[in-house]
Amino acid sequence: TLSWRKGGGDNSAGADAEVTTAIVDGIPRSSGEATWRAEVIIPKEGGSGPLGKRGTTAVRGPNRISKDIAQEDIDKFVEAYRTGGANELRKVQRELNRSWL
């Protein structure tokens, strides 16, 4: 698990956006083989909720047969979030998920 705070304030994610990452269990293949998924948890866009909390959103990649490939997905997600915020992250997520269709 990796955790970092986004510096700068040059995009919609905000200056103190905290992001956590993890490799989580995926859905087993029909053969029973285990799979893993990249998971990145980002702050929700917009203002604080009624209790002053912002909330988070989990973004997950496709099922992978290797933790190394899931880690590569995490690296892509983090780079996308750093450069373009949540919109760029979702774009990368769609591209990764389409690659398995």
Protein backbone atom coordinates (compact mmCIF):
# COMPACT_ATOMS: atom_id res chain seq x y z
CA THR A 1 0.00 0.00 0.00
CA LEU A 2 1.29 3.41 -0.98
CA SER A 3 0.00 6.69 0.38
CA TRP A 4 0.96 10.18 -0.75
CA ARG A 5 -0.35 13.71 -0.71
CA LYS A 6 -0.71 15.59 -3.93
CA GLY A 7 1.31 18.78 -3.95
CA GLY A 8 0.69 21.91 -5.96
CA GLY A 9 -2.83 23.08 -6.59
CA ASP A 10 -2.76 23.29 -10.31
CA ASN A 11 -5.68 20.95 -11.04
CA SER A 12 -9.12 20.04 -9.76
CA ALA A 13 -7.85 17.42 -7.31
CA GLY A 14 -6.80 20.05 -4.79
CA ALA A 15 -3.56 20.78 -3.00
CA ASP A 16 -3.92 18.31 -0.14
CA ALA A 17 -5.53 15.41 -1.96
CA GLU A 18 -4.51 12.18 -0.25
CA VAL A 19 -4.28 9.09 -2.43
CA THR A 20 -3.82 5.49 -1.29
CA THR A 21 -3.06 2.50 -3.47
CA ALA A 22 -3.24 -1.25 -3.03
CA ILE A 23 -3.25 -4.52 -4.94
CA VAL A 24 -6.50 -6.28 -4.05
CA ASP A 25 -7.85 -9.75 -4.82
CA GLY A 26 -9.65 -9.98 -8.13
CA ILE A 27 -12.30 -12.37 -9.35
CA PRO A 28 -10.82 -15.86 -9.83
CA ARG A 29 -10.65 -17.11 -13.41
CA SER A 30 -12.91 -19.99 -14.50
CA SER A 31 -9.91 -22.31 -14.02
CA GLY A 32 -9.72 -21.23 -10.37
CA GLU A 33 -6.50 -19.27 -10.94
CA ALA A 34 -6.20 -16.24 -8.65
CA THR A 35 -6.23 -12.70 -10.05
CA TRP A 36 -5.39 -9.28 -8.64
CA ARG A 37 -6.53 -5.72 -9.32
CA ALA A 38 -4.99 -2.31 -8.88
CA GLU A 39 -6.96 -0.06 -6.54
CA VAL A 40 -6.43 3.66 -6.10
CA ILE A 41 -8.50 5.58 -3.55
CA ILE A 42 -8.85 9.29 -4.29
CA PRO A 43 -10.76 12.13 -2.61
CA LYS A 44 -14.15 12.92 -4.13
CA GLU A 45 -14.26 16.08 -6.16
CA GLY A 46 -16.34 18.97 -4.93
CA GLY A 47 -16.69 20.47 -1.49
CA SER A 48 -17.02 18.90 1.90
CA GLY A 49 -20.12 17.01 2.93
CA PRO A 50 -22.50 18.01 5.72
CA LEU A 51 -20.15 16.79 8.44
CA GLY A 52 -17.10 18.49 6.92
CA LYS A 53 -15.78 15.26 5.43
CA ARG A 54 -14.95 15.01 1.77
CA GLY A 55 -15.30 11.27 1.15
CA THR A 56 -13.33 9.05 -1.20
CA THR A 57 -13.77 7.10 -4.41
CA ALA A 58 -12.08 3.78 -5.21
CA VAL A 59 -10.91 3.30 -8.79
CA ARG A 60 -10.00 -0.26 -9.80
CA GLY A 61 -8.29 -1.75 -12.80
CA PRO A 62 -9.03 -5.00 -14.60
CA ASN A 63 -8.31 -8.45 -13.17
CA ARG A 64 -4.67 -9.43 -13.74
CA ILE A 65 -2.97 -12.82 -13.47
CA SER A 66 0.15 -11.24 -11.95
CA LYS A 67 0.68 -8.81 -9.08
CA ASP A 68 3.45 -7.21 -11.16
CA ILE A 69 0.98 -6.28 -13.88
CA ALA A 70 -1.44 -4.93 -11.24
CA GLN A 71 1.43 -2.80 -9.89
CA GLU A 72 2.05 -1.43 -13.38
CA ASP A 73 -1.63 -0.46 -13.47
CA ILE A 74 -1.22 1.36 -10.14
CA ASP A 75 1.77 3.26 -11.52
CA LYS A 76 -0.31 4.33 -14.55
CA PHE A 77 -3.21 5.38 -12.31
CA VAL A 78 -1.01 7.45 -9.98
CA GLU A 79 0.77 9.18 -12.86
CA ALA A 80 -2.57 9.98 -14.51
CA TYR A 81 -3.95 11.42 -11.26
CA ARG A 82 -0.83 13.51 -10.67
CA THR A 83 -0.94 15.01 -14.15
CA GLY A 84 -4.67 15.35 -14.82
CA GLY A 85 -6.66 14.65 -11.68
CA ALA A 86 -9.68 12.36 -11.48
CA ASN A 87 -10.71 12.88 -15.11
CA GLU A 88 -7.37 11.66 -16.45
CA LEU A 89 -7.41 8.76 -13.97
CA ARG A 90 -10.84 7.63 -15.22
CA LYS A 91 -9.61 7.88 -18.82
CA VAL A 92 -6.70 5.53 -18.04
CA GLN A 93 -9.10 3.20 -16.21
CA ARG A 94 -11.33 2.96 -19.28
CA GLU A 95 -8.33 2.25 -21.53
CA LEU A 96 -7.05 -0.52 -19.24
CA ASN A 97 -10.48 -2.13 -18.90
CA ARG A 98 -11.01 -2.06 -22.68
CA SER A 99 -7.71 -3.84 -23.23
CA TRP A 100 -9.31 -7.02 -21.78
CA LEU A 101 -12.45 -7.08 -23.94
